[in-house]
Every structure is written in structure tokens, then in C-alpha cells.
Amino acid sequence: MKPTVKVFSLGGTIASSGDKGKGVSPTLGADTLINAIPGISEKVKVKAENFRQLPSPHITFDDIQELVKAINKDIDLGVDGVVVTHGTDTLEESAFLIDLIYKKNAPVVLTGAMRNPTLPGADGPANLHDAVMVASDRKSKGKGVLLVFNSEIHAARYVNKCHTQNVNAFRSKPLGPIGWISENSVRILSSPMPTFSSKFTSNCSMARVALLKTAMADDGSLVNCVISDKYEGLVVEATGGGHVTPKMVKPIIKATKVMPVVLVSRTGNGENLRETYMFPGSEIYLYERGVLNGGWLDGLKARILLSLLIGSGANNSEIKKVFESYIDGKLS
């Protein structure tokens, strides 16, 4: 008996078309995307739903939470796996959020395209084919939410977009892909660490969290704007291993008095230092004054996690514990 996979289309480049010279926008439905895959119905029974028809910068937290509710409903009705087609601009963020709030074992796989269907070498059909293969394979069960792109299988909790145009636009840090697709066969050689607390659900509130990247000679004015605009949390992408300018110190400490502040690195690789440097604006200096260590999470993921934690009612101590457990790989 063929496995059943449900494809939810949310728009993005993979579903884009338009007149030459005027750009493209998401207009193609899920059925059109599936029909572009030769022979897929011989391997898998595919169902389709046009869930959203949006460029990915237009997708909101509410859209993704509603998507997870729809996914759960289809899984409960007997679907073996789910594929979500999505624009690549915010694909890593949606994948991470789904990974935090989706609780079932059936595979959920996200994919998209870098080249829209009007271009030579459009990669959407190949990516969608591979994603359906992964979603229909028993080896994918219980692996958390996955992202399939360019024949590689990534865990949502690690993956990020690293190129504006290249078809090999996604990478995973620090461990790389957990598998790949070869000759229509799924290879999964490792499993990601366990997911976060089970209290995260698709009904969780999402707090308003700001994300700021620091730069040379930053005067901290934007931190003051975050405070005055009544954000509920702040993620700071600091330089190097977790350092900010002297003028940023006072605004950041002020922010810790009214909201959780999480420090991550802007470098894109490695983790924040914990106990190496001690000067105004260094990691030790900031941690001693209430700033939380985001470890090796990047700013995008730290923002989503912090938003969920605050929205679920976690206090500063609980938030610190979750981020520390992520750093140590000892999640419960």
C-alpha cells in the first residue's frame, strides 16, 4: 500500500510565475506543483491543499500556528507524512517554529526553490520530489521537523539560509545535514537532539521580541527604542564571542530590568563565550548584569524561542534554563 503524503502550499518562489520583465509572484497552486513531478503518483498517494499564497516575508507567526493545527488534523486522519512548500526567505524561521510546536512523530518536511518555474533549471520540482520521498519514508519518523533542499536533509533546529541565489542555499551548523536523497532513496545517518519543552503548542502566544545586530561604534540608541516601544524581549546579535560597544552597555542593562535580553553572536558560527573576556561590554560583564547566553543559536532562532518562552509565561530564570540546556544539548 502506497504511503499518503499531504502537501500544503504556502506560496514562495517555488509557486511563482508572471510576465517576463515584470517579476514573478506566488500564483501556482499545490496541484500544479505536484503535477510538475514526473511519476510521483506511482510511488506515493499525494493530497494537496493551497494553504496560503504568499511571498515568505508576508508569512506571520499566526499563519504557521494555523498551519500546525491543520497538519495535526491531517495526521490524526491517517496521513503518513506532510510536506510544506514555502518561500526561502523565511523558510528557516518557519521550520524552527514548527519544530518547537509540532508534537507528533509523523514526518513534517519543508522545501522550496531558489529558481522560479520561469527560469532555466528551476529547482522546485526536484526539491518537492525529494521532500515527498522523505515525508513518505519511515526512517523520517520521530526526527523532528526536516528541511529538504538540493538533495540534502536538514534538521530544522540547525538549518539556515546562507545564499541569496545559489540552489545550494541552505546549510546546517554545527553538524551539517543529517542525511540526503540518492537514486530516489532516503539516507538518514544521524538524529537531531530532542526538542524543547512539551508546553509549546500551536496555541501558544508569541511575544513581541526585537532582534538587533550590533556594529562598530554602535551608540545603543536602538536598544532604547526597543525599551520605549514596549517590546517584551530583546535578542542582541553581538560581535565575536558576545561583545558590544561601551555605549551599548547602559541601555542593555536598562533593558534587562524590564524584559529578558538574550545575547547571541552575529558571526554565524561557533557559540558565545562564557568566561574568557572581562571588560565593559564583554560576555562576562554582560552575564553578570542579567543578560542571558544564547549559546550557538543564531539571532533568528533565538528570537523565535524567546518569543515562545515569554508567550508561554516563562520567567527569566526559566528562560535562562532553557537556553542553557540548548547550549549543553540536554533538552527535556
C-alpha atoms as a PDB file:
ATOM      1  CA  MET A   1       0.000   0.000   0.000  1.00  0.00           C
ATOM      2  CA  LYS A   2       1.383   3.383  -1.005  1.00  0.00           C
ATOM      3  CA  PRO A   3       2.013   5.896   1.792  1.00  0.00           C
ATOM      4  CA  THR A   4      -0.092   9.074   1.822  1.00  0.00           C
ATOM      5  CA  VAL A   5       1.588  12.477   1.928  1.00  0.00           C
ATOM      6  CA  LYS A   6      -0.252  15.776   2.286  1.00  0.00           C
ATOM      7  CA  VAL A   7       1.325  18.790   0.567  1.00  0.00           C
ATOM      8  CA  PHE A   8       0.498  22.218   1.980  1.00  0.00           C
ATOM      9  CA  SER A   9       1.418  25.059  -0.386  1.00  0.00           C
ATOM     10  CA  LEU A  10       2.205  28.436   1.182  1.00  0.00           C
ATOM     11  CA  GLY A  11       3.495  30.222  -1.925  1.00  0.00           C
ATOM     12  CA  GLY A  12       7.059  31.449  -2.387  1.00  0.00           C
ATOM     13  CA  THR A  13       9.437  31.152  -5.340  1.00  0.00           C
ATOM     14  CA  ILE A  14       8.530  27.518  -5.938  1.00  0.00           C
ATOM     15  CA  ALA A  15       4.969  28.649  -6.737  1.00  0.00           C
ATOM     16  CA  SER A  16       5.799  31.869  -8.599  1.00  0.00           C
ATOM     17  CA  SER A  17       5.041  32.897 -12.160  1.00  0.00           C
ATOM     18  CA  GLY A  18       4.442  36.118 -14.082  1.00  0.00           C
ATOM     19  CA  ASP A  19       5.089  38.181 -17.182  1.00  0.00           C
ATOM     20  CA  LYS A  20       8.666  38.488 -18.396  1.00  0.00           C
ATOM     21  CA  GLY A  21      10.365  41.669 -17.290  1.00  0.00           C
ATOM     22  CA  LYS A  22       7.846  42.430 -14.555  1.00  0.00           C
ATOM     23  CA  GLY A  23       8.966  39.971 -11.929  1.00  0.00           C
ATOM     24  CA  VAL A  24       7.131  36.965 -10.535  1.00  0.00           C
ATOM     25  CA  SER A  25       4.819  36.374  -7.589  1.00  0.00           C
ATOM     26  CA  PRO A  26       3.190  33.302  -5.988  1.00  0.00           C
ATOM     27  CA  THR A  27       0.296  32.224  -8.205  1.00  0.00           C
ATOM     28  CA  LEU A  28       0.685  28.465  -8.671  1.00  0.00           C
ATOM     29  CA  GLY A  29      -1.330  26.086  -6.508  1.00  0.00           C
ATOM     30  CA  ALA A  30      -0.295  22.855  -4.827  1.00  0.00           C
ATOM     31  CA  ASP A  31      -1.829  20.681  -7.556  1.00  0.00           C
ATOM     32  CA  THR A  32       0.234  22.461 -10.216  1.00  0.00           C
ATOM     33  CA  LEU A  33       3.420  21.918  -8.210  1.00  0.00           C
ATOM     34  CA  ILE A  34       2.680  18.215  -7.738  1.00  0.00           C
ATOM     35  CA  ASN A  35       1.825  17.710 -11.413  1.00  0.00           C
ATOM     36  CA  ALA A  36       5.292  19.001 -12.311  1.00  0.00           C
ATOM     37  CA  ILE A  37       6.877  15.936 -10.656  1.00  0.00           C
ATOM     38  CA  PRO A  38       7.134  13.028 -13.117  1.00  0.00           C
ATOM     39  CA  GLY A  39       5.831   9.694 -11.822  1.00  0.00           C
ATOM     40  CA  ILE A  40       5.244  10.773  -8.229  1.00  0.00           C
ATOM     41  CA  SER A  41       1.781   9.165  -8.096  1.00  0.00           C
ATOM     42  CA  GLU A  42       3.343   5.764  -8.811  1.00  0.00           C
ATOM     43  CA  LYS A  43       5.259   5.906  -5.530  1.00  0.00           C
ATOM     44  CA  VAL A  44       3.110   7.937  -3.147  1.00  0.00           C
ATOM     45  CA  LYS A  45      -0.521   8.946  -2.804  1.00  0.00           C
ATOM     46  CA  VAL A  46      -0.322  12.738  -2.688  1.00  0.00           C
ATOM     47  CA  LYS A  47      -3.024  15.077  -1.403  1.00  0.00           C
ATOM     48  CA  ALA A  48      -2.772  18.827  -1.877  1.00  0.00           C
ATOM     49  CA  GLU A  49      -4.008  21.976  -0.176  1.00  0.00           C
ATOM     50  CA  ASN A  50      -3.441  25.627  -1.062  1.00  0.00           C
ATOM     51  CA  PHE A  51      -2.964  26.797   2.496  1.00  0.00           C
ATOM     52  CA  ARG A  52      -1.537  30.259   1.741  1.00  0.00           C
ATOM     53  CA  GLN A  53      -0.420  32.011  -1.444  1.00  0.00           C
ATOM     54  CA  LEU A  54       2.221  34.402  -0.107  1.00  0.00           C
ATOM     55  CA  PRO A  55       5.821  35.518  -0.575  1.00  0.00           C
ATOM     56  CA  SER A  56       7.567  34.271   2.535  1.00  0.00           C
ATOM     57  CA  PRO A  57       8.286  37.741   4.040  1.00  0.00           C
ATOM     58  CA  HIS A  58       4.486  38.109   4.305  1.00  0.00           C
ATOM     59  CA  ILE A  59       4.043  34.932   6.387  1.00  0.00           C
ATOM     60  CA  THR A  60       3.334  35.529  10.082  1.00  0.00           C
ATOM     61  CA  PHE A  61       3.585  33.555  13.314  1.00  0.00           C
ATOM     62  CA  ASP A  62      -0.208  33.191  13.204  1.00  0.00           C
ATOM     63  CA  ASP A  63      -0.019  31.609   9.726  1.00  0.00           C
ATOM     64  CA  ILE A  64       2.432  28.996  10.962  1.00  0.00           C
ATOM     65  CA  GLN A  65       0.448  28.220  14.092  1.00  0.00           C
ATOM     66  CA  GLU A  66      -2.674  27.712  11.979  1.00  0.00           C
ATOM     67  CA  LEU A  67      -0.640  25.502   9.654  1.00  0.00           C
ATOM     68  CA  VAL A  68       0.430  23.260  12.537  1.00  0.00           C
ATOM     69  CA  LYS A  69      -3.206  22.874  13.583  1.00  0.00           C
ATOM     70  CA  ALA A  70      -4.059  21.794  10.023  1.00  0.00           C
ATOM     71  CA  ILE A  71      -1.092  19.398   9.959  1.00  0.00           C
ATOM     72  CA  ASN A  72      -2.177  17.805  13.239  1.00  0.00           C
ATOM     73  CA  LYS A  73      -5.689  17.325  11.886  1.00  0.00           C
ATOM     74  CA  ASP A  74      -4.454  15.543   8.758  1.00  0.00           C
ATOM     75  CA  ILE A  75      -2.061  13.346  10.735  1.00  0.00           C
ATOM     76  CA  ASP A  76      -4.952  12.344  13.010  1.00  0.00           C
ATOM     77  CA  LEU A  77      -6.953  11.414   9.879  1.00  0.00           C
ATOM     78  CA  GLY A  78      -4.241   8.978   8.790  1.00  0.00           C
ATOM     79  CA  VAL A  79      -1.808  10.913   6.607  1.00  0.00           C
ATOM     80  CA  ASP A  80       1.645   9.304   6.813  1.00  0.00           C
ATOM     81  CA  GLY A  81       3.663  12.469   6.306  1.00  0.00           C
ATOM     82  CA  VAL A  82       3.422  16.143   5.425  1.00  0.00           C
ATOM     83  CA  VAL A  83       5.302  18.417   3.025  1.00  0.00           C
ATOM     84  CA  VAL A  84       5.149  22.202   3.263  1.00  0.00           C
ATOM     85  CA  THR A  85       6.218  24.290   0.254  1.00  0.00           C
ATOM     86  CA  HIS A  86       7.326  27.741   1.345  1.00  0.00           C
ATOM     87  CA  GLY A  87       9.384  30.691   0.168  1.00  0.00           C
ATOM     88  CA  THR A  88      13.037  30.502   1.145  1.00  0.00           C
ATOM     89  CA  ASP A  89      13.444  33.979   2.665  1.00  0.00           C
ATOM     90  CA  THR A  90      11.910  32.947   5.987  1.00  0.00           C
ATOM     91  CA  LEU A  91      11.895  29.185   5.475  1.00  0.00           C
ATOM     92  CA  GLU A  92      14.380  28.539   8.282  1.00  0.00           C
ATOM     93  CA  GLU A  93      12.257  30.527  10.739  1.00  0.00           C
ATOM     94  CA  SER A  94       9.024  28.721   9.896  1.00  0.00           C
ATOM     95  CA  ALA A  95      10.800  25.356  10.083  1.00  0.00           C
ATOM     96  CA  PHE A  96      12.197  26.161  13.541  1.00  0.00           C
ATOM     97  CA  LEU A  97       8.844  27.414  14.846  1.00  0.00           C
ATOM     98  CA  ILE A  98       7.040  24.316  13.561  1.00  0.00           C
ATOM     99  CA  ASP A  99       9.719  22.158  15.164  1.00  0.00           C
ATOM    100  CA  LEU A 100       9.032  23.805  18.529  1.00  0.00           C
ATOM    101  CA  ILE A 101       5.248  23.391  18.488  1.00  0.00           C
ATOM    102  CA  TYR A 102       4.634  20.190  16.452  1.00  0.00           C
ATOM    103  CA  LYS A 103       4.424  17.163  18.753  1.00  0.00           C
ATOM    104  CA  LYS A 104       3.611  14.132  16.609  1.00  0.00           C
ATOM    105  CA  ASN A 105       6.006  11.536  15.143  1.00  0.00           C
ATOM    106  CA  ALA A 106       4.817  11.630  11.523  1.00  0.00           C
ATOM    107  CA  PRO A 107       7.379  13.418   9.323  1.00  0.00           C
ATOM    108  CA  VAL A 108       6.914  17.095   8.505  1.00  0.00           C
ATOM    109  CA  VAL A 109       9.222  18.270   5.717  1.00  0.00           C
ATOM    110  CA  LEU A 110       9.646  21.812   4.391  1.00  0.00           C
ATOM    111  CA  THR A 111      11.033  22.710   0.995  1.00  0.00           C
ATOM    112  CA  GLY A 112      11.019  25.452  -1.628  1.00  0.00           C
ATOM    113  CA  ALA A 113      13.009  26.703  -4.588  1.00  0.00           C
ATOM    114  CA  MET A 114      15.673  29.252  -5.456  1.00  0.00           C
ATOM    115  CA  ARG A 115      14.820  29.368  -9.184  1.00  0.00           C
ATOM    116  CA  ASN A 116      11.211  30.090 -10.052  1.00  0.00           C
ATOM    117  CA  PRO A 117       9.445  27.973 -12.718  1.00  0.00           C
ATOM    118  CA  THR A 118      10.003  30.573 -15.458  1.00  0.00           C
ATOM    119  CA  LEU A 119      13.810  30.175 -15.247  1.00  0.00           C
ATOM    120  CA  PRO A 120      16.078  27.554 -16.845  1.00  0.00           C
ATOM    121  CA  GLY A 121      16.970  24.851 -14.337  1.00  0.00           C
ATOM    122  CA  ALA A 122      14.106  25.565 -11.954  1.00  0.00           C
ATOM    123  CA  ASP A 123      14.812  23.501  -8.827  1.00  0.00           C
ATOM    124  CA  GLY A 124      11.294  23.372  -7.374  1.00  0.00           C
ATOM    125  CA  PRO A 125      10.164  20.037  -8.882  1.00  0.00           C
ATOM    126  CA  ALA A 126      13.331  18.215  -7.764  1.00  0.00           C
ATOM    127  CA  ASN A 127      13.122  19.654  -4.251  1.00  0.00           C
ATOM    128  CA  LEU A 128       9.428  18.810  -3.952  1.00  0.00           C
ATOM    129  CA  HIS A 129      10.029  15.280  -5.248  1.00  0.00           C
ATOM    130  CA  ASP A 130      12.758  14.735  -2.650  1.00  0.00           C
ATOM    131  CA  ALA A 131      10.648  16.236   0.118  1.00  0.00           C
ATOM    132  CA  VAL A 132       7.751  13.888  -0.692  1.00  0.00           C
ATOM    133  CA  MET A 133      10.159  10.933  -0.665  1.00  0.00           C
ATOM    134  CA  VAL A 134      11.468  11.941   2.766  1.00  0.00           C
ATOM    135  CA  ALA A 135       7.983  12.570   4.172  1.00  0.00           C
ATOM    136  CA  SER A 136       6.805   9.144   2.988  1.00  0.00           C
ATOM    137  CA  ASP A 137       9.798   7.239   4.397  1.00  0.00           C
ATOM    138  CA  ARG A 138       9.563   5.520   7.788  1.00  0.00           C
ATOM    139  CA  LYS A 139      13.144   6.490   8.597  1.00  0.00           C
ATOM    140  CA  SER A 140      11.985  10.098   8.859  1.00  0.00           C
ATOM    141  CA  LYS A 141       9.592   9.432  11.735  1.00  0.00           C
ATOM    142  CA  GLY A 142      10.494  10.973  15.073  1.00  0.00           C
ATOM    143  CA  LYS A 143      13.329  13.066  13.641  1.00  0.00           C
ATOM    144  CA  GLY A 144      11.653  16.390  14.302  1.00  0.00           C
ATOM    145  CA  VAL A 145      10.788  18.802  11.523  1.00  0.00           C
ATOM    146  CA  LEU A 146      13.050  18.493   8.488  1.00  0.00           C
ATOM    147  CA  LEU A 147      14.051  20.758   5.610  1.00  0.00           C
ATOM    148  CA  VAL A 148      14.910  19.165   2.253  1.00  0.00           C
ATOM    149  CA  PHE A 149      16.814  21.164  -0.330  1.00  0.00           C
ATOM    150  CA  ASN A 150      19.251  20.320  -3.121  1.00  0.00           C
ATOM    151  CA  SER A 151      19.003  16.589  -2.218  1.00  0.00           C
ATOM    152  CA  GLU A 152      20.122  17.243   1.375  1.00  0.00           C
ATOM    153  CA  ILE A 153      18.107  16.585   4.533  1.00  0.00           C
ATOM    154  CA  HIS A 154      18.498  19.156   7.309  1.00  0.00           C
ATOM    155  CA  ALA A 155      17.123  19.279  10.842  1.00  0.00           C
ATOM    156  CA  ALA A 156      15.002  22.409  11.324  1.00  0.00           C
ATOM    157  CA  ARG A 157      16.705  23.218  14.612  1.00  0.00           C
ATOM    158  CA  TYR A 158      20.082  23.649  12.894  1.00  0.00           C
ATOM    159  CA  VAL A 159      19.431  24.878   9.354  1.00  0.00           C
ATOM    160  CA  ASN A 160      19.814  28.405   7.986  1.00  0.00           C
ATOM    161  CA  LYS A 161      19.791  30.117   4.602  1.00  0.00           C
ATOM    162  CA  CYS A 162      23.280  31.124   3.519  1.00  0.00           C
ATOM    163  CA  HIS A 163      22.956  32.448  -0.049  1.00  0.00           C
ATOM    164  CA  THR A 164      20.639  34.825  -1.910  1.00  0.00           C
ATOM    165  CA  GLN A 165      20.573  32.940  -5.248  1.00  0.00           C
ATOM    166  CA  ASN A 166      22.512  29.673  -5.230  1.00  0.00           C
ATOM    167  CA  VAL A 167      20.424  26.473  -5.406  1.00  0.00           C
ATOM    168  CA  ASN A 168      22.614  25.148  -2.601  1.00  0.00           C
ATOM    169  CA  ALA A 169      21.272  27.873  -0.334  1.00  0.00           C
ATOM    170  CA  PHE A 170      20.885  26.022   2.963  1.00  0.00           C
ATOM    171  CA  ARG A 171      23.408  24.739   5.470  1.00  0.00           C
ATOM    172  CA  SER A 172      23.276  23.345   8.979  1.00  0.00           C
ATOM    173  CA  LYS A 173      25.584  24.336  11.772  1.00  0.00           C
ATOM    174  CA  PRO A 174      27.443  22.965  13.545  1.00  0.00           C
ATOM    175  CA  LEU A 175      26.859  19.380  12.361  1.00  0.00           C
ATOM    176  CA  GLY A 176      25.811  19.599   8.713  1.00  0.00           C
ATOM    177  CA  PRO A 177      22.918  17.727   7.057  1.00  0.00           C
ATOM    178  CA  ILE A 178      21.547  14.658   8.807  1.00  0.00           C
ATOM    179  CA  GLY A 179      21.075  12.828   5.504  1.00  0.00           C
ATOM    180  CA  TRP A 180      20.450  13.032   1.783  1.00  0.00           C
ATOM    181  CA  ILE A 181      18.476  11.542  -1.110  1.00  0.00           C
ATOM    182  CA  SER A 182      20.272   9.259  -3.563  1.00  0.00           C
ATOM    183  CA  GLU A 183      18.645   7.454  -6.512  1.00  0.00           C
ATOM    184  CA  ASN A 184      15.203   8.121  -5.023  1.00  0.00           C
ATOM    185  CA  SER A 185      16.246   6.543  -1.720  1.00  0.00           C
ATOM    186  CA  VAL A 186      16.309   8.360   1.602  1.00  0.00           C
ATOM    187  CA  ARG A 187      19.500   8.189   3.651  1.00  0.00           C
ATOM    188  CA  ILE A 188      19.338   9.461   7.243  1.00  0.00           C
ATOM    189  CA  LEU A 189      22.522   8.846   9.196  1.00  0.00           C
ATOM    190  CA  SER A 190      22.009  10.893  12.344  1.00  0.00           C
ATOM    191  CA  SER A 191      19.267  12.272  14.560  1.00  0.00           C
ATOM    192  CA  PRO A 192      18.972  15.788  15.981  1.00  0.00           C
ATOM    193  CA  MET A 193      18.888  16.351  19.725  1.00  0.00           C
ATOM    194  CA  PRO A 194      15.482  16.135  21.446  1.00  0.00           C
ATOM    195  CA  THR A 195      13.121  19.069  21.076  1.00  0.00           C
ATOM    196  CA  PHE A 196      12.220  21.673  23.691  1.00  0.00           C
ATOM    197  CA  SER A 197       9.582  21.631  26.415  1.00  0.00           C
ATOM    198  CA  SER A 198       6.274  19.964  25.584  1.00  0.00           C
ATOM    199  CA  LYS A 199       4.401  23.032  26.842  1.00  0.00           C
ATOM    200  CA  PHE A 200       4.917  24.729  23.461  1.00  0.00           C
ATOM    201  CA  THR A 201       1.827  24.228  21.269  1.00  0.00           C
ATOM    202  CA  SER A 202       0.193  25.816  18.255  1.00  0.00           C
ATOM    203  CA  ASN A 203      -1.991  27.760  20.706  1.00  0.00           C
ATOM    204  CA  CYS A 204       0.943  29.473  22.411  1.00  0.00           C
ATOM    205  CA  SER A 205       1.046  33.234  22.389  1.00  0.00           C
ATOM    206  CA  MET A 206       4.024  34.749  20.585  1.00  0.00           C
ATOM    207  CA  ALA A 207       5.558  37.659  22.454  1.00  0.00           C
ATOM    208  CA  ARG A 208       6.867  40.738  20.666  1.00  0.00           C
ATOM    209  CA  VAL A 209      10.663  40.287  20.605  1.00  0.00           C
ATOM    210  CA  ALA A 210      13.146  42.630  18.939  1.00  0.00           C
ATOM    211  CA  LEU A 211      16.281  41.458  17.125  1.00  0.00           C
ATOM    212  CA  LEU A 212      19.212  43.912  16.962  1.00  0.00           C
ATOM    213  CA  LYS A 213      22.592  43.413  15.323  1.00  0.00           C
ATOM    214  CA  THR A 214      25.438  45.394  16.860  1.00  0.00           C
ATOM    215  CA  ALA A 215      28.129  47.146  14.843  1.00  0.00           C
ATOM    216  CA  MET A 216      31.333  49.110  15.306  1.00  0.00           C
ATOM    217  CA  ALA A 217      30.753  52.362  17.248  1.00  0.00           C
ATOM    218  CA  ASP A 218      27.106  51.436  17.993  1.00  0.00           C
ATOM    219  CA  ASP A 219      25.727  54.026  20.430  1.00  0.00           C
ATOM    220  CA  GLY A 220      22.905  51.868  21.825  1.00  0.00           C
ATOM    221  CA  SER A 221      20.100  54.147  20.649  1.00  0.00           C
ATOM    222  CA  LEU A 222      18.191  51.271  19.094  1.00  0.00           C
ATOM    223  CA  VAL A 223      18.148  49.441  22.429  1.00  0.00           C
ATOM    224  CA  ASN A 224      16.487  52.484  23.959  1.00  0.00           C
ATOM    225  CA  CYS A 225      13.946  52.418  21.122  1.00  0.00           C
ATOM    226  CA  VAL A 226      13.135  48.787  21.949  1.00  0.00           C
ATOM    227  CA  ILE A 227      12.518  49.743  25.573  1.00  0.00           C
ATOM    228  CA  SER A 228      10.384  52.777  24.750  1.00  0.00           C
ATOM    229  CA  ASP A 229       8.339  50.847  22.189  1.00  0.00           C
ATOM    230  CA  LYS A 230       7.419  48.308  24.886  1.00  0.00           C
ATOM    231  CA  TYR A 231       8.801  45.138  23.349  1.00  0.00           C
ATOM    232  CA  GLU A 232       8.561  42.087  25.609  1.00  0.00           C
ATOM    233  CA  GLY A 233      12.033  40.698  24.857  1.00  0.00           C
ATOM    234  CA  LEU A 234      15.286  41.502  23.074  1.00  0.00           C
ATOM    235  CA  VAL A 235      17.858  39.404  21.218  1.00  0.00           C
ATOM    236  CA  VAL A 236      21.208  41.115  20.633  1.00  0.00           C
ATOM    237  CA  GLU A 237      23.481  39.825  17.868  1.00  0.00           C
ATOM    238  CA  ALA A 238      26.810  40.814  19.369  1.00  0.00           C
ATOM    239  CA  THR A 239      30.260  40.917  17.811  1.00  0.00           C
ATOM    240  CA  GLY A 240      32.615  37.955  18.096  1.00  0.00           C
ATOM    241  CA  GLY A 241      32.009  35.731  21.100  1.00  0.00           C
ATOM    242  CA  GLY A 242      29.429  38.056  22.666  1.00  0.00           C
ATOM    243  CA  HIS A 243      30.726  41.625  22.907  1.00  0.00           C
ATOM    244  CA  VAL A 244      29.184  45.082  22.497  1.00  0.00           C
ATOM    245  CA  THR A 245      30.460  48.654  22.479  1.00  0.00           C
ATOM    246  CA  PRO A 246      30.853  50.584  25.755  1.00  0.00           C
ATOM    247  CA  LYS A 247      27.953  52.879  24.844  1.00  0.00           C
ATOM    248  CA  MET A 248      25.636  49.897  24.474  1.00  0.00           C
ATOM    249  CA  VAL A 249      26.234  48.623  27.992  1.00  0.00           C
ATOM    250  CA  LYS A 250      23.985  51.047  29.856  1.00  0.00           C
ATOM    251  CA  PRO A 251      20.981  50.654  27.505  1.00  0.00           C
ATOM    252  CA  ILE A 252      21.300  46.858  27.541  1.00  0.00           C
ATOM    253  CA  ILE A 253      21.447  46.721  31.344  1.00  0.00           C
ATOM    254  CA  LYS A 254      18.440  49.054  31.432  1.00  0.00           C
ATOM    255  CA  ALA A 255      16.604  46.664  29.117  1.00  0.00           C
ATOM    256  CA  THR A 256      17.252  43.681  31.420  1.00  0.00           C
ATOM    257  CA  LYS A 257      15.215  45.437  34.114  1.00  0.00           C
ATOM    258  CA  VAL A 258      12.054  45.290  32.018  1.00  0.00           C
ATOM    259  CA  MET A 259      12.475  42.309  29.673  1.00  0.00           C
ATOM    260  CA  PRO A 260      14.606  39.193  29.039  1.00  0.00           C
ATOM    261  CA  VAL A 261      17.687  40.039  26.958  1.00  0.00           C
ATOM    262  CA  VAL A 262      19.467  37.208  25.113  1.00  0.00           C
ATOM    263  CA  LEU A 263      22.972  37.546  23.673  1.00  0.00           C
ATOM    264  CA  VAL A 264      23.996  35.670  20.508  1.00  0.00           C
ATOM    265  CA  SER A 265      26.842  36.118  18.029  1.00  0.00           C
ATOM    266  CA  ARG A 266      26.493  37.882  14.699  1.00  0.00           C
ATOM    267  CA  THR A 267      29.257  35.729  13.181  1.00  0.00           C
ATOM    268  CA  GLY A 268      27.029  32.834  12.122  1.00  0.00           C
ATOM    269  CA  ASN A 269      29.330  30.124  13.502  1.00  0.00           C
ATOM    270  CA  GLY A 270      30.508  28.973  16.900  1.00  0.00           C
ATOM    271  CA  GLU A 271      28.931  29.753  20.253  1.00  0.00           C
ATOM    272  CA  ASN A 272      29.077  32.694  22.616  1.00  0.00           C
ATOM    273  CA  LEU A 273      31.954  32.657  25.041  1.00  0.00           C
ATOM    274  CA  ARG A 274      31.123  32.270  28.720  1.00  0.00           C
ATOM    275  CA  GLU A 275      34.209  33.129  30.764  1.00  0.00           C
ATOM    276  CA  THR A 276      37.049  34.449  28.597  1.00  0.00           C
ATOM    277  CA  TYR A 277      36.824  38.261  28.448  1.00  0.00           C
ATOM    278  CA  MET A 278      36.145  40.772  31.201  1.00  0.00           C
ATOM    279  CA  PHE A 279      35.728  44.400  30.121  1.00  0.00           C
ATOM    280  CA  PRO A 280      32.704  46.700  29.812  1.00  0.00           C
ATOM    281  CA  GLY A 281      30.604  45.065  27.098  1.00  0.00           C
ATOM    282  CA  SER A 282      32.279  41.649  27.254  1.00  0.00           C
ATOM    283  CA  GLU A 283      30.384  38.394  27.743  1.00  0.00           C
ATOM    284  CA  ILE A 284      31.298  38.017  31.454  1.00  0.00           C
ATOM    285  CA  TYR A 285      30.424  41.649  32.137  1.00  0.00           C
ATOM    286  CA  LEU A 286      27.014  41.329  30.485  1.00  0.00           C
ATOM    287  CA  TYR A 287      26.092  37.960  32.018  1.00  0.00           C
ATOM    288  CA  GLU A 288      26.901  39.284  35.499  1.00  0.00           C
ATOM    289  CA  ARG A 289      24.374  42.050  34.851  1.00  0.00           C
ATOM    290  CA  GLY A 290      21.445  39.878  33.820  1.00  0.00           C
ATOM    291  CA  VAL A 291      21.953  39.245  30.105  1.00  0.00           C
ATOM    292  CA  LEU A 292      21.232  35.633  29.049  1.00  0.00           C
ATOM    293  CA  ASN A 293      23.542  33.483  26.926  1.00  0.00           C
ATOM    294  CA  GLY A 294      22.014  32.307  23.640  1.00  0.00           C
ATOM    295  CA  GLY A 295      24.874  29.866  23.008  1.00  0.00           C
ATOM    296  CA  TRP A 296      25.223  28.846  19.353  1.00  0.00           C
ATOM    297  CA  LEU A 297      21.681  29.738  18.348  1.00  0.00           C
ATOM    298  CA  ASP A 298      21.594  32.447  15.710  1.00  0.00           C
ATOM    299  CA  GLY A 299      19.522  35.569  16.161  1.00  0.00           C
ATOM    300  CA  LEU A 300      16.554  34.328  14.108  1.00  0.00           C
ATOM    301  CA  LYS A 301      16.123  31.139  16.115  1.00  0.00           C
ATOM    302  CA  ALA A 302      16.822  32.820  19.452  1.00  0.00           C
ATOM    303  CA  ARG A 303      14.097  35.369  18.688  1.00  0.00           C
ATOM    304  CA  ILE A 304      11.510  32.671  17.953  1.00  0.00           C
ATOM    305  CA  LEU A 305      12.433  30.646  21.030  1.00  0.00           C
ATOM    306  CA  LEU A 306      12.386  33.697  23.288  1.00  0.00           C
ATOM    307  CA  SER A 307       9.038  34.786  21.851  1.00  0.00           C
ATOM    308  CA  LEU A 308       7.536  31.374  22.630  1.00  0.00           C
ATOM    309  CA  LEU A 309       9.020  31.272  26.119  1.00  0.00           C
ATOM    310  CA  ILE A 310       7.732  34.704  27.073  1.00  0.00           C
ATOM    311  CA  GLY A 311       4.377  33.976  25.449  1.00  0.00           C
ATOM    312  CA  SER A 312       4.042  30.758  27.456  1.00  0.00           C
ATOM    313  CA  GLY A 313       4.586  32.673  30.702  1.00  0.00           C
ATOM    314  CA  ALA A 314       8.170  31.612  31.476  1.00  0.00           C
ATOM    315  CA  ASN A 315      10.070  33.836  33.890  1.00  0.00           C
ATOM    316  CA  ASN A 316      13.676  34.983  33.479  1.00  0.00           C
ATOM    317  CA  SER A 317      15.049  32.028  35.446  1.00  0.00           C
ATOM    318  CA  GLU A 318      13.103  29.518  33.352  1.00  0.00           C
ATOM    319  CA  ILE A 319      14.155  31.220  30.125  1.00  0.00           C
ATOM    320  CA  LYS A 320      17.801  31.074  31.212  1.00  0.00           C
ATOM    321  CA  LYS A 321      17.457  27.361  31.973  1.00  0.00           C
ATOM    322  CA  VAL A 322      16.025  26.576  28.525  1.00  0.00           C
ATOM    323  CA  PHE A 323      18.780  28.441  26.691  1.00  0.00           C
ATOM    324  CA  GLU A 324      21.464  26.799  28.857  1.00  0.00           C
ATOM    325  CA  SER A 325      20.004  23.349  28.202  1.00  0.00           C
ATOM    326  CA  TYR A 326      20.128  24.053  24.483  1.00  0.00           C
ATOM    327  CA  ILE A 327      23.802  25.020  24.725  1.00  0.00           C
ATOM    328  CA  ASP A 328      24.616  21.824  26.614  1.00  0.00           C
ATOM    329  CA  GLY A 329      22.437  19.599  24.424  1.00  0.00           C
ATOM    330  CA  LYS A 330      20.470  18.348  27.415  1.00  0.00           C
ATOM    331  CA  LEU A 331      16.913  19.238  26.461  1.00  0.00           C
ATOM    332  CA  SER A 332      13.910  17.810  28.247  1.00  0.00           C
END
